[in-house]
Amino acid sequence: MLTITQINYIRELYFLEGKTYAQISGMTGKNYRTVKRYIEMDDFNEQKHKASRPNKTDELRPIIRGW
């Protein structure tokens, strides 16, 4: 995760100075995909949630409680 200062610098290079992803990647030393992700990101407060999976022991709990 980059700091807000780093993200703003990357976005300024792209939007204000017209640099390409590859140029920004070379200048900052960050991966091309990282640069692209932060340039294309609109909402920085977005939380990604993992899909909840059922617990493996849920099937066995009633049997164990019965003992």
Protein backbone atom coordinates (compact mmCIF):
# COMPACT_ATOMS: atom_id res chain seq x y z
CA MET A 1 0.00 0.00 0.00
CA LEU A 2 1.35 3.37 -0.96
CA THR A 3 1.04 6.50 1.14
CA ILE A 4 -1.32 9.27 0.08
CA THR A 5 1.68 11.43 -0.83
CA GLN A 6 3.02 8.77 -3.19
CA ILE A 7 -0.41 8.22 -4.75
CA ASN A 8 -0.88 11.96 -5.30
CA TYR A 9 2.57 12.20 -6.90
CA ILE A 10 1.78 9.36 -9.30
CA ARG A 11 -1.59 10.89 -10.20
CA GLU A 12 -0.04 14.34 -10.72
CA LEU A 13 2.58 12.89 -13.07
CA TYR A 14 -0.14 11.25 -15.14
CA PHE A 15 -2.89 13.87 -15.16
CA LEU A 16 -0.92 17.13 -14.98
CA GLU A 17 2.34 16.29 -16.71
CA GLY A 18 0.99 13.74 -19.19
CA LYS A 19 3.47 10.95 -18.38
CA THR A 20 2.70 7.37 -19.41
CA TYR A 21 2.39 4.44 -17.01
CA ALA A 22 5.81 3.15 -18.08
CA GLN A 23 7.48 6.53 -17.55
CA ILE A 24 5.93 6.91 -14.10
CA SER A 25 6.95 3.37 -13.22
CA GLY A 26 10.55 4.13 -14.17
CA MET A 27 10.59 7.45 -12.32
CA THR A 28 9.08 6.15 -9.08
CA GLY A 29 10.47 2.62 -9.05
CA LYS A 30 6.97 1.19 -8.57
CA ASN A 31 5.58 -1.70 -10.56
CA TYR A 32 3.66 -0.86 -13.75
CA ARG A 33 0.51 -2.57 -12.40
CA THR A 34 0.70 -0.60 -9.16
CA VAL A 35 0.96 2.68 -11.05
CA LYS A 36 -1.96 1.71 -13.29
CA ARG A 37 -4.13 0.68 -10.32
CA TYR A 38 -3.68 3.96 -8.47
CA ILE A 39 -4.20 6.08 -11.58
CA GLU A 40 -7.45 4.29 -12.45
CA MET A 41 -8.74 4.24 -8.86
CA ASP A 42 -11.61 6.65 -8.22
CA ASP A 43 -12.67 5.83 -4.65
CA PHE A 44 -9.77 5.47 -2.23
CA ASN A 45 -12.06 4.49 0.66
CA GLU A 46 -13.33 1.41 -1.07
CA GLN A 47 -13.00 -1.72 1.07
CA LYS A 48 -12.67 -5.09 -0.55
CA HIS A 49 -14.37 -7.82 1.43
CA LYS A 50 -13.49 -11.45 1.16
CA ALA A 51 -16.31 -13.81 0.39
CA SER A 52 -17.39 -15.60 3.53
CA ARG A 53 -17.00 -19.33 3.47
CA PRO A 54 -18.75 -21.77 5.75
CA ASN A 55 -16.66 -23.12 8.58
CA LYS A 56 -15.61 -26.75 8.08
CA THR A 57 -16.62 -27.65 11.61
CA ASP A 58 -20.19 -26.33 11.24
CA GLU A 59 -21.38 -29.76 10.08
CA LEU A 60 -19.83 -31.49 13.08
CA ARG A 61 -20.91 -29.08 15.84
CA PRO A 62 -24.36 -30.63 16.45
CA ILE A 63 -22.84 -34.10 16.68
CA ILE A 64 -20.16 -32.97 19.11
CA ARG A 65 -22.70 -31.08 21.25
CA GLY A 66 -24.81 -34.23 21.36
CA TRP A 67 -21.95 -36.15 22.95
